[in-house]
Amino acid sequence: MKKELKVKSIAVWIPSDKVHASLLEMGFSVFDIATTVSDGRFWNKILFMRGEERVSVSEEIGDVYPKDPVITICGSPTTINEIIGVLD
């Protein structure tokens, strides 16, 4: 039986390397890394997986001002709350 998955997207005020470390500690593994272009901006995207759950961490590339990673979670409500709690 598949569990119900929800989608949540948040911006966090901590460096992306700390986000990555937290996800790895929670049992997620890196599935893929890509650079994308959206609205004239370049983004580094890392996709993490744990079973059926997915977490995408996107960080804008550039030196103009500090960037805050955007995290998109496709997971159970429990996982979403766990990730938000760890990153809060």
Protein backbone atom coordinates (compact mmCIF):
# COMPACT_ATOMS: atom_id res chain seq x y z
CA MET A 1 0.00 0.00 0.00
CA LYS A 2 1.40 3.37 -0.99
CA LYS A 3 1.35 6.14 1.57
CA GLU A 4 -0.25 9.47 0.80
CA LEU A 5 2.32 12.03 -0.37
CA LYS A 6 1.94 15.80 -0.17
CA VAL A 7 3.98 18.58 -1.80
CA LYS A 8 5.40 21.54 0.14
CA SER A 9 7.86 24.20 -1.02
CA ILE A 10 9.75 26.44 1.41
CA ALA A 11 12.65 28.90 1.38
CA VAL A 12 15.10 28.59 4.26
CA TRP A 13 17.60 31.01 5.77
CA ILE A 14 20.41 28.49 6.26
CA PRO A 15 23.22 27.51 3.86
CA SER A 16 22.47 24.72 1.40
CA ASP A 17 25.34 22.55 2.69
CA LYS A 18 23.59 22.37 6.09
CA VAL A 19 20.33 21.46 4.34
CA HIS A 20 22.15 18.68 2.44
CA ALA A 21 23.76 17.34 5.64
CA SER A 22 20.41 17.31 7.45
CA LEU A 23 18.73 15.38 4.63
CA LEU A 24 21.56 12.82 4.51
CA GLU A 25 21.28 12.34 8.29
CA MET A 26 17.54 11.70 7.85
CA GLY A 27 18.27 8.82 5.47
CA PHE A 28 17.84 10.57 2.12
CA SER A 29 20.44 9.92 -0.58
CA VAL A 30 21.49 12.09 -3.52
CA PHE A 31 19.81 10.86 -6.70
CA ASP A 32 20.80 13.52 -9.24
CA ILE A 33 22.40 16.96 -9.60
CA ALA A 34 21.62 19.44 -12.40
CA THR A 35 21.97 23.08 -13.40
CA THR A 36 18.81 24.66 -14.80
CA VAL A 37 17.78 28.03 -16.23
CA SER A 38 14.48 29.66 -15.27
CA ASP A 39 13.44 33.27 -15.94
CA GLY A 40 16.99 34.19 -16.93
CA ARG A 41 18.47 32.82 -13.69
CA PHE A 42 20.72 29.82 -13.23
CA TRP A 43 19.98 27.31 -10.46
CA ASN A 44 21.85 24.36 -8.95
CA LYS A 45 19.34 21.62 -8.16
CA ILE A 46 19.96 18.49 -6.12
CA LEU A 47 17.36 15.72 -5.93
CA PHE A 48 17.34 13.58 -2.78
CA MET A 49 15.36 10.31 -2.48
CA ARG A 50 14.19 8.06 0.36
CA GLY A 51 11.83 5.33 -0.81
CA GLU A 52 8.93 7.03 -2.62
CA GLU A 53 9.71 10.42 -1.06
CA ARG A 54 11.61 13.13 -2.94
CA VAL A 55 13.23 16.38 -1.84
CA SER A 56 14.60 18.93 -4.30
CA VAL A 57 17.00 21.61 -3.05
CA SER A 58 17.43 24.54 -5.46
CA GLU A 59 19.94 27.34 -5.01
CA GLU A 60 20.34 30.29 -7.36
CA ILE A 61 23.82 30.67 -8.83
CA GLY A 62 25.34 34.15 -8.65
CA ASP A 63 27.35 36.59 -6.56
CA VAL A 64 25.02 39.59 -6.51
CA TYR A 65 23.55 38.89 -3.06
CA PRO A 66 23.28 35.91 -0.68
CA LYS A 67 20.85 33.30 -1.94
CA ASP A 68 18.48 31.24 0.19
CA PRO A 69 17.88 27.64 -0.88
CA VAL A 70 14.37 26.67 -1.92
CA ILE A 71 13.31 23.21 -0.79
CA THR A 72 10.48 21.32 -2.47
CA ILE A 73 9.33 18.23 -0.61
CA CYS A 74 7.15 15.44 -2.00
CA GLY A 75 6.65 13.26 1.04
CA SER A 76 4.35 12.13 3.80
CA PRO A 77 3.00 14.77 6.18
CA THR A 78 5.28 13.27 8.87
CA THR A 79 8.37 13.69 6.68
CA ILE A 80 7.40 17.25 5.74
CA ASN A 81 7.03 18.18 9.41
CA GLU A 82 10.30 16.42 10.27
CA ILE A 83 12.24 18.32 7.59
CA ILE A 84 10.70 21.67 8.53
CA GLY A 85 11.48 20.98 12.20
CA VAL A 86 15.12 20.16 11.48
CA LEU A 87 15.60 23.23 9.28
CA ASP A 88 13.74 25.67 11.53
